């Protein structure tokens, strides 16, 4: 009799099974990280860091991709965050100050790139390490340890590694639109070419909305935008005008939605999901057949605006809200 295959124990609901390691190894062995002479650009970076008053501690290749890196102590006054990343969290900075001060050690190097811009006093940007940089400044540190990436353009990609504090939607949107505007001055690249850096086209539109309206409840609209926004095949400079129009359209819809939410509140209906409830009610994609043609941004927002104007608060009961759930309307 054939043996029965053992069934894998089911995971608790909501738990994802971890991916298995790939069968073959990749990258460099420990002894290979400094086994070759660095290329000329890295040697030049070494000299520039020392000329800036820094001290190179080691030059090596990263163990995964084999790219060259420079670990250095940098004068802290020469380092600042990239101009397009999220704002500091005071709570997170204070926590870092307490931990670093308590243990008396700085053990987590920031990531940095050297920039050569005459309009900036700082010579190094950190796309990953702003909270640590701020904490060290407050503690009175004279220098900071950094892993300096030779390719300055990598600053836009390194933001994806920034995990010292999870982004909320507002922070992510603002970070993406600030990066977008910075990149728009560099070349004629399209949104598609920066898909890795921007992650989602929806973040671009939401970022513009948050710039215009800091307390915008983007979480209510994000599920719709993810379905109807696409990366544009236009240079960033010209695409920005289209994105600004998208943001203007979304904010106009939000004005209509807010009026309906206020009408529901006037009826005595209270819930942290009121805006999300109204948005779900006017969402043209929610019950759209799977085989139906995809809606464009303009089509979807036009239908939502018309439906929002026709929305009748008098027909809504508390039971309807209780069944809805959804994303909270609190500021993201």
C-alpha atoms as a PDB file:
ATOM      1  CA  UNK A   1       0.000   0.000   0.000  1.00  0.00           C
ATOM      2  CA  UNK A   2       1.404   3.345  -1.056  1.00  0.00           C
ATOM      3  CA  UNK A   3       2.296   5.660   1.762  1.00  0.00           C
ATOM      4  CA  UNK A   4       0.106   8.699   2.134  1.00  0.00           C
ATOM      5  CA  UNK A   5       1.765  12.042   1.611  1.00  0.00           C
ATOM      6  CA  UNK A   6       2.058  14.003   4.814  1.00  0.00           C
ATOM      7  CA  UNK A   7      -0.014  17.171   4.708  1.00  0.00           C
ATOM      8  CA  UNK A   8       1.667  20.412   5.668  1.00  0.00           C
ATOM      9  CA  UNK A   9       0.260  21.953   8.789  1.00  0.00           C
ATOM     10  CA  UNK A  10      -1.986  24.872   7.876  1.00  0.00           C
ATOM     11  CA  UNK A  11      -0.681  28.290   8.838  1.00  0.00           C
ATOM     12  CA  UNK A  12      -2.731  30.574  11.080  1.00  0.00           C
ATOM     13  CA  UNK A  13      -5.082  32.843   9.157  1.00  0.00           C
ATOM     14  CA  UNK A  14      -3.286  35.889   7.788  1.00  0.00           C
ATOM     15  CA  UNK A  15       0.175  34.300   8.045  1.00  0.00           C
ATOM     16  CA  UNK A  16       2.238  33.991   4.874  1.00  0.00           C
ATOM     17  CA  UNK A  17       4.506  31.011   4.365  1.00  0.00           C
ATOM     18  CA  UNK A  18       8.158  32.069   4.159  1.00  0.00           C
ATOM     19  CA  UNK A  19       9.936  31.663   0.854  1.00  0.00           C
ATOM     20  CA  UNK A  20      12.552  28.932   0.676  1.00  0.00           C
ATOM     21  CA  UNK A  21      16.153  29.926  -0.098  1.00  0.00           C
ATOM     22  CA  UNK A  22      17.111  29.504  -3.746  1.00  0.00           C
ATOM     23  CA  UNK A  23      18.928  26.290  -4.518  1.00  0.00           C
ATOM     24  CA  UNK A  24      22.142  27.848  -5.864  1.00  0.00           C
ATOM     25  CA  UNK A  25      24.350  30.336  -4.022  1.00  0.00           C
ATOM     26  CA  UNK A  26      25.119  33.697  -5.540  1.00  0.00           C
ATOM     27  CA  UNK A  27      27.322  36.705  -4.964  1.00  0.00           C
ATOM     28  CA  UNK A  28      30.804  36.795  -3.441  1.00  0.00           C
ATOM     29  CA  UNK A  29      32.439  34.788  -0.694  1.00  0.00           C
ATOM     30  CA  UNK A  30      33.761  36.711   2.321  1.00  0.00           C
ATOM     31  CA  UNK A  31      37.350  36.512   1.102  1.00  0.00           C
ATOM     32  CA  UNK A  32      36.447  37.994  -2.283  1.00  0.00           C
ATOM     33  CA  UNK A  33      35.017  41.287  -1.051  1.00  0.00           C
ATOM     34  CA  UNK A  34      38.432  42.988  -1.121  1.00  0.00           C
ATOM     35  CA  UNK A  35      40.220  40.627  -3.472  1.00  0.00           C
ATOM     36  CA  UNK A  36      40.427  43.056  -6.403  1.00  0.00           C
ATOM     37  CA  UNK A  37      41.640  46.594  -6.968  1.00  0.00           C
ATOM     38  CA  UNK A  38      38.806  49.156  -7.008  1.00  0.00           C
ATOM     39  CA  UNK A  39      38.070  50.926 -10.314  1.00  0.00           C
ATOM     40  CA  UNK A  40      39.184  54.482 -10.953  1.00  0.00           C
ATOM     41  CA  UNK A  41      35.841  56.096  -9.952  1.00  0.00           C
ATOM     42  CA  UNK A  42      35.995  54.436  -6.530  1.00  0.00           C
ATOM     43  CA  UNK A  43      39.637  55.425  -6.021  1.00  0.00           C
ATOM     44  CA  UNK A  44      38.696  59.006  -6.907  1.00  0.00           C
ATOM     45  CA  UNK A  45      35.814  58.910  -4.402  1.00  0.00           C
ATOM     46  CA  UNK A  46      38.298  57.734  -1.766  1.00  0.00           C
ATOM     47  CA  UNK A  47      40.464  60.800  -2.412  1.00  0.00           C
ATOM     48  CA  UNK A  48      37.481  63.190  -2.411  1.00  0.00           C
ATOM     49  CA  UNK A  49      36.194  61.893   0.928  1.00  0.00           C
ATOM     50  CA  UNK A  50      39.603  62.456   2.533  1.00  0.00           C
ATOM     51  CA  UNK A  51      39.848  65.914   0.925  1.00  0.00           C
ATOM     52  CA  UNK A  52      36.430  66.742   2.445  1.00  0.00           C
ATOM     53  CA  UNK A  53      37.830  66.019   5.901  1.00  0.00           C
ATOM     54  CA  UNK A  54      36.442  62.498   6.122  1.00  0.00           C
ATOM     55  CA  UNK A  55      38.271  59.234   6.692  1.00  0.00           C
ATOM     56  CA  UNK A  56      37.869  56.121   4.546  1.00  0.00           C
ATOM     57  CA  UNK A  57      37.677  53.035   6.758  1.00  0.00           C
ATOM     58  CA  UNK A  58      37.377  50.388   4.066  1.00  0.00           C
ATOM     59  CA  UNK A  59      36.695  49.866   0.365  1.00  0.00           C
ATOM     60  CA  UNK A  60      34.929  46.666  -0.591  1.00  0.00           C
ATOM     61  CA  UNK A  61      32.340  45.033  -2.822  1.00  0.00           C
ATOM     62  CA  UNK A  62      28.907  44.183  -1.520  1.00  0.00           C
ATOM     63  CA  UNK A  63      28.416  40.424  -1.045  1.00  0.00           C
ATOM     64  CA  UNK A  64      25.306  40.124  -3.218  1.00  0.00           C
ATOM     65  CA  UNK A  65      25.768  42.173  -6.387  1.00  0.00           C
ATOM     66  CA  UNK A  66      29.513  42.747  -6.195  1.00  0.00           C
ATOM     67  CA  UNK A  67      29.126  46.532  -6.450  1.00  0.00           C
ATOM     68  CA  UNK A  68      31.873  48.690  -4.956  1.00  0.00           C
ATOM     69  CA  UNK A  69      31.182  50.576  -1.721  1.00  0.00           C
ATOM     70  CA  UNK A  70      33.195  52.850   0.550  1.00  0.00           C
ATOM     71  CA  UNK A  71      32.729  52.811   4.311  1.00  0.00           C
ATOM     72  CA  UNK A  72      33.818  56.135   5.750  1.00  0.00           C
ATOM     73  CA  UNK A  73      33.589  58.495   8.697  1.00  0.00           C
ATOM     74  CA  UNK A  74      32.113  61.756   7.384  1.00  0.00           C
ATOM     75  CA  UNK A  75      32.082  65.183   9.070  1.00  0.00           C
ATOM     76  CA  UNK A  76      28.473  65.354  10.229  1.00  0.00           C
ATOM     77  CA  UNK A  77      28.098  68.971   9.061  1.00  0.00           C
ATOM     78  CA  UNK A  78      28.641  67.847   5.464  1.00  0.00           C
ATOM     79  CA  UNK A  79      25.700  65.409   5.496  1.00  0.00           C
ATOM     80  CA  UNK A  80      22.024  66.173   4.959  1.00  0.00           C
ATOM     81  CA  UNK A  81      18.960  64.173   3.876  1.00  0.00           C
ATOM     82  CA  UNK A  82      17.905  64.086   0.249  1.00  0.00           C
ATOM     83  CA  UNK A  83      15.427  66.908  -0.426  1.00  0.00           C
ATOM     84  CA  UNK A  84      12.648  64.566  -1.551  1.00  0.00           C
ATOM     85  CA  UNK A  85      12.293  62.058   1.268  1.00  0.00           C
ATOM     86  CA  UNK A  86       9.690  61.959   4.031  1.00  0.00           C
ATOM     87  CA  UNK A  87       9.676  64.273   7.015  1.00  0.00           C
ATOM     88  CA  UNK A  88      11.284  63.339  10.311  1.00  0.00           C
ATOM     89  CA  UNK A  89       9.300  61.624  13.037  1.00  0.00           C
ATOM     90  CA  UNK A  90      10.149  63.389  16.314  1.00  0.00           C
ATOM     91  CA  UNK A  91       9.114  60.300  18.280  1.00  0.00           C
ATOM     92  CA  UNK A  92      11.447  58.051  16.301  1.00  0.00           C
ATOM     93  CA  UNK A  93      14.357  60.505  16.570  1.00  0.00           C
ATOM     94  CA  UNK A  94      13.944  60.805  20.344  1.00  0.00           C
ATOM     95  CA  UNK A  95      13.892  57.019  20.658  1.00  0.00           C
ATOM     96  CA  UNK A  96      17.126  56.729  18.673  1.00  0.00           C
ATOM     97  CA  UNK A  97      18.739  59.461  20.778  1.00  0.00           C
ATOM     98  CA  UNK A  98      17.896  57.529  23.934  1.00  0.00           C
ATOM     99  CA  UNK A  99      19.174  54.184  22.632  1.00  0.00           C
ATOM    100  CA  UNK A 100      22.412  55.544  21.152  1.00  0.00           C
ATOM    101  CA  UNK A 101      23.080  57.603  24.278  1.00  0.00           C
ATOM    102  CA  UNK A 102      22.346  54.682  26.588  1.00  0.00           C
ATOM    103  CA  UNK A 103      24.581  52.103  24.898  1.00  0.00           C
ATOM    104  CA  UNK A 104      27.222  54.687  23.981  1.00  0.00           C
ATOM    105  CA  UNK A 105      27.648  53.271  20.468  1.00  0.00           C
ATOM    106  CA  UNK A 106      26.561  54.149  16.926  1.00  0.00           C
ATOM    107  CA  UNK A 107      26.243  50.750  15.262  1.00  0.00           C
ATOM    108  CA  UNK A 108      24.021  51.351  12.228  1.00  0.00           C
ATOM    109  CA  UNK A 109      25.820  53.281   9.435  1.00  0.00           C
ATOM    110  CA  UNK A 110      23.763  55.572   7.257  1.00  0.00           C
ATOM    111  CA  UNK A 111      23.787  55.280   3.459  1.00  0.00           C
ATOM    112  CA  UNK A 112      25.198  58.288   1.595  1.00  0.00           C
ATOM    113  CA  UNK A 113      26.126  59.534  -1.850  1.00  0.00           C
ATOM    114  CA  UNK A 114      28.521  62.380  -2.627  1.00  0.00           C
ATOM    115  CA  UNK A 115      26.967  65.229  -4.571  1.00  0.00           C
ATOM    116  CA  UNK A 116      28.664  67.997  -6.497  1.00  0.00           C
ATOM    117  CA  UNK A 117      26.077  70.775  -6.523  1.00  0.00           C
ATOM    118  CA  UNK A 118      27.201  74.387  -6.012  1.00  0.00           C
ATOM    119  CA  UNK A 119      23.811  75.337  -4.529  1.00  0.00           C
ATOM    120  CA  UNK A 120      24.189  72.906  -1.604  1.00  0.00           C
ATOM    121  CA  UNK A 121      26.484  73.404   1.379  1.00  0.00           C
ATOM    122  CA  UNK A 122      26.415  69.713   2.231  1.00  0.00           C
ATOM    123  CA  UNK A 123      28.501  67.409   0.084  1.00  0.00           C
ATOM    124  CA  UNK A 124      26.719  64.178   1.030  1.00  0.00           C
ATOM    125  CA  UNK A 125      23.068  63.204   0.793  1.00  0.00           C
ATOM    126  CA  UNK A 126      21.619  60.355   2.824  1.00  0.00           C
ATOM    127  CA  UNK A 127      18.565  58.667   1.271  1.00  0.00           C
ATOM    128  CA  UNK A 128      18.525  56.152   4.124  1.00  0.00           C
ATOM    129  CA  UNK A 129      19.495  57.384   7.582  1.00  0.00           C
ATOM    130  CA  UNK A 130      17.883  60.777   8.181  1.00  0.00           C
ATOM    131  CA  UNK A 131      16.540  59.803  11.618  1.00  0.00           C
ATOM    132  CA  UNK A 132      19.948  58.438  12.693  1.00  0.00           C
ATOM    133  CA  UNK A 133      21.648  61.570  11.339  1.00  0.00           C
ATOM    134  CA  UNK A 134      19.297  63.838  13.287  1.00  0.00           C
ATOM    135  CA  UNK A 135      19.763  61.823  16.487  1.00  0.00           C
ATOM    136  CA  UNK A 136      23.544  61.982  16.198  1.00  0.00           C
ATOM    137  CA  UNK A 137      23.411  65.744  15.584  1.00  0.00           C
ATOM    138  CA  UNK A 138      21.291  66.263  18.696  1.00  0.00           C
ATOM    139  CA  UNK A 139      23.725  64.147  20.722  1.00  0.00           C
ATOM    140  CA  UNK A 140      26.566  66.431  19.570  1.00  0.00           C
ATOM    141  CA  UNK A 141      28.438  63.942  17.356  1.00  0.00           C
ATOM    142  CA  UNK A 142      31.237  65.409  15.217  1.00  0.00           C
ATOM    143  CA  UNK A 143      31.200  62.662  12.598  1.00  0.00           C
ATOM    144  CA  UNK A 144      28.996  59.828  11.409  1.00  0.00           C
ATOM    145  CA  UNK A 145      29.780  56.452   9.855  1.00  0.00           C
ATOM    146  CA  UNK A 146      28.365  56.035   6.351  1.00  0.00           C
ATOM    147  CA  UNK A 147      28.401  53.509   3.550  1.00  0.00           C
ATOM    148  CA  UNK A 148      29.060  55.764   0.587  1.00  0.00           C
ATOM    149  CA  UNK A 149      27.701  54.539  -2.745  1.00  0.00           C
ATOM    150  CA  UNK A 150      29.857  55.738  -5.670  1.00  0.00           C
ATOM    151  CA  UNK A 151      26.911  56.167  -8.051  1.00  0.00           C
ATOM    152  CA  UNK A 152      25.025  59.315  -6.970  1.00  0.00           C
ATOM    153  CA  UNK A 153      21.988  58.288  -9.049  1.00  0.00           C
ATOM    154  CA  UNK A 154      21.549  55.315  -6.711  1.00  0.00           C
ATOM    155  CA  UNK A 155      20.117  57.738  -4.121  1.00  0.00           C
ATOM    156  CA  UNK A 156      16.737  57.451  -5.816  1.00  0.00           C
ATOM    157  CA  UNK A 157      16.745  53.653  -5.674  1.00  0.00           C
ATOM    158  CA  UNK A 158      18.097  53.397  -2.124  1.00  0.00           C
ATOM    159  CA  UNK A 159      14.900  54.971  -0.767  1.00  0.00           C
ATOM    160  CA  UNK A 160      13.318  51.556  -1.280  1.00  0.00           C
ATOM    161  CA  UNK A 161      15.692  50.169   1.380  1.00  0.00           C
ATOM    162  CA  UNK A 162      14.610  52.742   3.951  1.00  0.00           C
ATOM    163  CA  UNK A 163      12.965  50.542   6.568  1.00  0.00           C
ATOM    164  CA  UNK A 164      13.926  52.266   9.825  1.00  0.00           C
ATOM    165  CA  UNK A 165      10.305  53.453  10.140  1.00  0.00           C
ATOM    166  CA  UNK A 166       7.385  52.191   8.072  1.00  0.00           C
ATOM    167  CA  UNK A 167       5.871  54.683   5.660  1.00  0.00           C
ATOM    168  CA  UNK A 168       2.271  55.666   5.906  1.00  0.00           C
ATOM    169  CA  UNK A 169       0.491  56.691   2.726  1.00  0.00           C
ATOM    170  CA  UNK A 170       1.000  60.414   3.268  1.00  0.00           C
ATOM    171  CA  UNK A 171       4.757  60.029   3.836  1.00  0.00           C
ATOM    172  CA  UNK A 172       5.105  57.767   0.808  1.00  0.00           C
ATOM    173  CA  UNK A 173       3.157  60.101  -1.471  1.00  0.00           C
ATOM    174  CA  UNK A 174       5.161  63.158  -0.398  1.00  0.00           C
ATOM    175  CA  UNK A 175       8.439  61.282  -0.756  1.00  0.00           C
ATOM    176  CA  UNK A 176       7.573  60.160  -4.284  1.00  0.00           C
ATOM    177  CA  UNK A 177       6.411  63.578  -5.538  1.00  0.00           C
ATOM    178  CA  UNK A 178       9.496  65.294  -4.101  1.00  0.00           C
ATOM    179  CA  UNK A 179      11.696  62.736  -5.844  1.00  0.00           C
ATOM    180  CA  UNK A 180       9.643  63.145  -9.029  1.00  0.00           C
ATOM    181  CA  UNK A 181      10.223  66.916  -9.128  1.00  0.00           C
ATOM    182  CA  UNK A 182      13.947  66.483  -8.475  1.00  0.00           C
ATOM    183  CA  UNK A 183      14.312  63.889 -11.243  1.00  0.00           C
ATOM    184  CA  UNK A 184      12.323  66.020 -13.685  1.00  0.00           C
ATOM    185  CA  UNK A 185      15.275  68.444 -13.831  1.00  0.00           C
ATOM    186  CA  UNK A 186      17.866  65.773 -14.629  1.00  0.00           C
ATOM    187  CA  UNK A 187      16.938  64.212 -17.967  1.00  0.00           C
ATOM    188  CA  UNK A 188      14.150  63.324 -20.386  1.00  0.00           C
ATOM    189  CA  UNK A 189      13.341  59.979 -18.744  1.00  0.00           C
ATOM    190  CA  UNK A 190       9.706  58.905 -18.538  1.00  0.00           C
ATOM    191  CA  UNK A 191       7.659  57.781 -15.548  1.00  0.00           C
ATOM    192  CA  UNK A 192       7.925  54.203 -16.807  1.00  0.00           C
ATOM    193  CA  UNK A 193      11.716  54.358 -16.586  1.00  0.00           C
ATOM    194  CA  UNK A 194      11.464  55.314 -12.896  1.00  0.00           C
ATOM    195  CA  UNK A 195       8.828  52.707 -12.017  1.00  0.00           C
ATOM    196  CA  UNK A 196      11.152  51.091  -9.449  1.00  0.00           C
ATOM    197  CA  UNK A 197      11.720  54.377  -7.647  1.00  0.00           C
ATOM    198  CA  UNK A 198       8.066  55.514  -7.712  1.00  0.00           C
ATOM    199  CA  UNK A 199       6.626  52.038  -6.964  1.00  0.00           C
ATOM    200  CA  UNK A 200       3.043  52.994  -7.881  1.00  0.00           C
ATOM    201  CA  UNK A 201       1.685  55.681 -10.217  1.00  0.00           C
ATOM    202  CA  UNK A 202      -0.984  56.362  -7.581  1.00  0.00           C
ATOM    203  CA  UNK A 203       1.687  57.671  -5.199  1.00  0.00           C
ATOM    204  CA  UNK A 204       2.502  60.495  -7.632  1.00  0.00           C
ATOM    205  CA  UNK A 205      -1.059  61.802  -7.745  1.00  0.00           C
ATOM    206  CA  UNK A 206      -1.567  61.332  -4.008  1.00  0.00           C
ATOM    207  CA  UNK A 207       1.693  63.167  -3.285  1.00  0.00           C
ATOM    208  CA  UNK A 208       0.450  66.232  -5.176  1.00  0.00           C
ATOM    209  CA  UNK A 209      -2.843  66.070  -3.252  1.00  0.00           C
ATOM    210  CA  UNK A 210      -1.004  65.932   0.083  1.00  0.00           C
ATOM    211  CA  UNK A 211       1.115  68.936  -0.926  1.00  0.00           C
ATOM    212  CA  UNK A 212      -2.042  70.906  -1.643  1.00  0.00           C
ATOM    213  CA  UNK A 213      -4.076  69.548   1.273  1.00  0.00           C
ATOM    214  CA  UNK A 214      -1.909  68.136   4.119  1.00  0.00           C
ATOM    215  CA  UNK A 215      -4.906  66.577   5.924  1.00  0.00           C
ATOM    216  CA  UNK A 216      -6.166  64.850   2.779  1.00  0.00           C
ATOM    217  CA  UNK A 217      -7.563  61.356   3.461  1.00  0.00           C
ATOM    218  CA  UNK A 218      -5.756  59.576   0.650  1.00  0.00           C
ATOM    219  CA  UNK A 219      -6.430  56.113   2.053  1.00  0.00           C
ATOM    220  CA  UNK A 220     -10.075  56.360   0.991  1.00  0.00           C
ATOM    221  CA  UNK A 221      -9.088  56.848  -2.671  1.00  0.00           C
ATOM    222  CA  UNK A 222      -5.944  54.724  -2.902  1.00  0.00           C
ATOM    223  CA  UNK A 223      -7.743  51.444  -3.813  1.00  0.00           C
ATOM    224  CA  UNK A 224      -9.414  53.165  -6.768  1.00  0.00           C
ATOM    225  CA  UNK A 225      -6.260  54.941  -7.929  1.00  0.00           C
ATOM    226  CA  UNK A 226      -4.296  51.689  -7.889  1.00  0.00           C
ATOM    227  CA  UNK A 227      -6.738  50.334 -10.472  1.00  0.00           C
ATOM    228  CA  UNK A 228      -6.938  53.325 -12.812  1.00  0.00           C
ATOM    229  CA  UNK A 229      -3.546  55.071 -12.674  1.00  0.00           C
ATOM    230  CA  UNK A 230      -0.720  54.014 -14.990  1.00  0.00           C
ATOM    231  CA  UNK A 231       2.854  55.202 -15.445  1.00  0.00           C
ATOM    232  CA  UNK A 232       2.902  57.743 -18.259  1.00  0.00           C
ATOM    233  CA  UNK A 233       5.152  57.309 -21.279  1.00  0.00           C
ATOM    234  CA  UNK A 234       6.032  61.000 -21.322  1.00  0.00           C
ATOM    235  CA  UNK A 235       9.111  62.833 -19.976  1.00  0.00           C
ATOM    236  CA  UNK A 236       8.637  63.806 -16.352  1.00  0.00           C
ATOM    237  CA  UNK A 237       8.563  67.534 -17.109  1.00  0.00           C
ATOM    238  CA  UNK A 238       5.534  67.208 -19.411  1.00  0.00           C
ATOM    239  CA  UNK A 239       3.948  64.351 -17.441  1.00  0.00           C
ATOM    240  CA  UNK A 240       3.926  66.504 -14.307  1.00  0.00           C
ATOM    241  CA  UNK A 241       1.240  68.736 -15.846  1.00  0.00           C
ATOM    242  CA  UNK A 242      -0.993  65.695 -16.386  1.00  0.00           C
ATOM    243  CA  UNK A 243      -0.408  64.539 -12.815  1.00  0.00           C
ATOM    244  CA  UNK A 244      -1.282  67.985 -11.487  1.00  0.00           C
ATOM    245  CA  UNK A 245      -4.559  67.843 -13.410  1.00  0.00           C
ATOM    246  CA  UNK A 246      -5.236  64.380 -11.945  1.00  0.00           C
ATOM    247  CA  UNK A 247      -4.666  65.766  -8.456  1.00  0.00           C
ATOM    248  CA  UNK A 248      -6.953  68.723  -9.163  1.00  0.00           C
ATOM    249  CA  UNK A 249      -9.695  66.329 -10.324  1.00  0.00           C
ATOM    250  CA  UNK A 250      -9.272  64.129  -7.254  1.00  0.00           C
ATOM    251  CA  UNK A 251      -9.406  67.086  -4.876  1.00  0.00           C
ATOM    252  CA  UNK A 252     -12.564  68.343  -6.601  1.00  0.00           C
ATOM    253  CA  UNK A 253     -14.144  64.912  -6.066  1.00  0.00           C
ATOM    254  CA  UNK A 254     -13.037  65.037  -2.445  1.00  0.00           C
ATOM    255  CA  UNK A 255     -14.873  68.349  -2.004  1.00  0.00           C
ATOM    256  CA  UNK A 256     -18.116  66.669  -3.112  1.00  0.00           C
ATOM    257  CA  UNK A 257     -17.472  63.630  -0.916  1.00  0.00           C
ATOM    258  CA  UNK A 258     -16.796  65.836   2.131  1.00  0.00           C
ATOM    259  CA  UNK A 259     -20.175  67.554   1.696  1.00  0.00           C
ATOM    260  CA  UNK A 260     -21.929  64.177   1.704  1.00  0.00           C
ATOM    261  CA  UNK A 261     -19.959  63.073   4.751  1.00  0.00           C
ATOM    262  CA  UNK A 262     -21.035  66.238   6.583  1.00  0.00           C
ATOM    263  CA  UNK A 263     -24.635  65.500   5.617  1.00  0.00           C
ATOM    264  CA  UNK A 264     -24.340  62.019   7.135  1.00  0.00           C
ATOM    265  CA  UNK A 265     -22.909  63.508  10.330  1.00  0.00           C
ATOM    266  CA  UNK A 266     -25.804  65.968  10.476  1.00  0.00           C
ATOM    267  CA  UNK A 267     -28.133  62.971  10.516  1.00  0.00           C
ATOM    268  CA  UNK A 268     -26.350  61.701  13.601  1.00  0.00           C
ATOM    269  CA  UNK A 269     -24.359  58.967  11.831  1.00  0.00           C
ATOM    270  CA  UNK A 270     -20.889  58.631  13.324  1.00  0.00           C
ATOM    271  CA  UNK A 271     -18.108  56.319  12.206  1.00  0.00           C
ATOM    272  CA  UNK A 272     -14.362  56.533  11.536  1.00  0.00           C
ATOM    273  CA  UNK A 273     -15.165  55.110   8.094  1.00  0.00           C
ATOM    274  CA  UNK A 274     -17.676  57.662   6.810  1.00  0.00           C
ATOM    275  CA  UNK A 275     -15.562  58.968   3.933  1.00  0.00           C
ATOM    276  CA  UNK A 276     -14.407  55.494   2.916  1.00  0.00           C
ATOM    277  CA  UNK A 277     -18.067  54.392   3.023  1.00  0.00           C
ATOM    278  CA  UNK A 278     -19.175  57.154   0.645  1.00  0.00           C
ATOM    279  CA  UNK A 279     -16.208  56.560  -1.683  1.00  0.00           C
ATOM    280  CA  UNK A 280     -17.014  52.837  -1.805  1.00  0.00           C
ATOM    281  CA  UNK A 281     -20.648  53.637  -2.647  1.00  0.00           C
ATOM    282  CA  UNK A 282     -19.641  55.769  -5.656  1.00  0.00           C
ATOM    283  CA  UNK A 283     -16.734  53.557  -6.788  1.00  0.00           C
ATOM    284  CA  UNK A 284     -17.494  52.446 -10.399  1.00  0.00           C
ATOM    285  CA  UNK A 285     -14.942  49.611 -10.231  1.00  0.00           C
ATOM    286  CA  UNK A 286     -16.292  47.903  -7.126  1.00  0.00           C
ATOM    287  CA  UNK A 287     -18.865  45.717  -8.897  1.00  0.00           C
ATOM    288  CA  UNK A 288     -17.522  46.031 -12.440  1.00  0.00           C
ATOM    289  CA  UNK A 289     -17.435  42.662 -14.310  1.00  0.00           C
ATOM    290  CA  UNK A 290     -13.964  41.180 -14.608  1.00  0.00           C
ATOM    291  CA  UNK A 291     -14.248  40.948 -18.400  1.00  0.00           C
ATOM    292  CA  UNK A 292     -15.319  44.600 -18.765  1.00  0.00           C
ATOM    293  CA  UNK A 293     -12.811  47.016 -20.363  1.00  0.00           C
ATOM    294  CA  UNK A 294     -10.614  48.787 -17.841  1.00  0.00           C
ATOM    295  CA  UNK A 295     -11.612  52.329 -16.951  1.00  0.00           C
ATOM    296  CA  UNK A 296      -9.166  55.176 -17.449  1.00  0.00           C
ATOM    297  CA  UNK A 297      -8.474  57.683 -14.686  1.00  0.00           C
ATOM    298  CA  UNK A 298     -10.676  60.309 -16.349  1.00  0.00           C
ATOM    299  CA  UNK A 299     -13.573  57.882 -16.900  1.00  0.00           C
ATOM    300  CA  UNK A 300     -13.441  56.542 -13.332  1.00  0.00           C
ATOM    301  CA  UNK A 301     -13.184  59.953 -11.663  1.00  0.00           C
ATOM    302  CA  UNK A 302     -15.916  61.427 -13.854  1.00  0.00           C
ATOM    303  CA  UNK A 303     -18.288  58.586 -12.906  1.00  0.00           C
ATOM    304  CA  UNK A 304     -17.381  58.923  -9.241  1.00  0.00           C
ATOM    305  CA  UNK A 305     -17.993  62.673  -9.253  1.00  0.00           C
ATOM    306  CA  UNK A 306     -21.418  62.258 -10.867  1.00  0.00           C
ATOM    307  CA  UNK A 307     -22.362  59.453  -8.458  1.00  0.00           C
ATOM    308  CA  UNK A 308     -21.149  61.482  -5.463  1.00  0.00           C
ATOM    309  CA  UNK A 309     -23.334  64.420  -6.502  1.00  0.00           C
ATOM    310  CA  UNK A 310     -26.372  62.092  -6.674  1.00  0.00           C
ATOM    311  CA  UNK A 311     -25.573  60.333  -3.391  1.00  0.00           C
ATOM    312  CA  UNK A 312     -28.579  60.581  -1.045  1.00  0.00           C
ATOM    313  CA  UNK A 313     -27.606  60.645   2.664  1.00  0.00           C
ATOM    314  CA  UNK A 314     -31.258  60.231   3.671  1.00  0.00           C
ATOM    315  CA  UNK A 315     -31.254  56.657   2.380  1.00  0.00           C
ATOM    316  CA  UNK A 316     -28.282  55.609   4.545  1.00  0.00           C
ATOM    317  CA  UNK A 317     -28.875  53.800   7.827  1.00  0.00           C
ATOM    318  CA  UNK A 318     -26.505  52.954  10.651  1.00  0.00           C
ATOM    319  CA  UNK A 319     -26.712  49.280   9.672  1.00  0.00           C
ATOM    320  CA  UNK A 320     -25.259  50.164   6.268  1.00  0.00           C
ATOM    321  CA  UNK A 321     -22.226  51.719   7.941  1.00  0.00           C
ATOM    322  CA  UNK A 322     -21.778  48.808  10.317  1.00  0.00           C
ATOM    323  CA  UNK A 323     -21.527  46.379   7.412  1.00  0.00           C
ATOM    324  CA  UNK A 324     -19.036  48.457   5.432  1.00  0.00           C
ATOM    325  CA  UNK A 325     -15.801  48.594   7.450  1.00  0.00           C
ATOM    326  CA  UNK A 326     -12.919  49.818   5.287  1.00  0.00           C
ATOM    327  CA  UNK A 327     -10.005  52.185   5.683  1.00  0.00           C
ATOM    328  CA  UNK A 328     -10.234  54.739   8.467  1.00  0.00           C
ATOM    329  CA  UNK A 329     -10.803  58.355   7.421  1.00  0.00           C
ATOM    330  CA  UNK A 330      -8.138  59.612   9.835  1.00  0.00           C
ATOM    331  CA  UNK A 331      -5.243  61.475   8.232  1.00  0.00           C
ATOM    332  CA  UNK A 332      -2.751  58.954   6.818  1.00  0.00           C
END
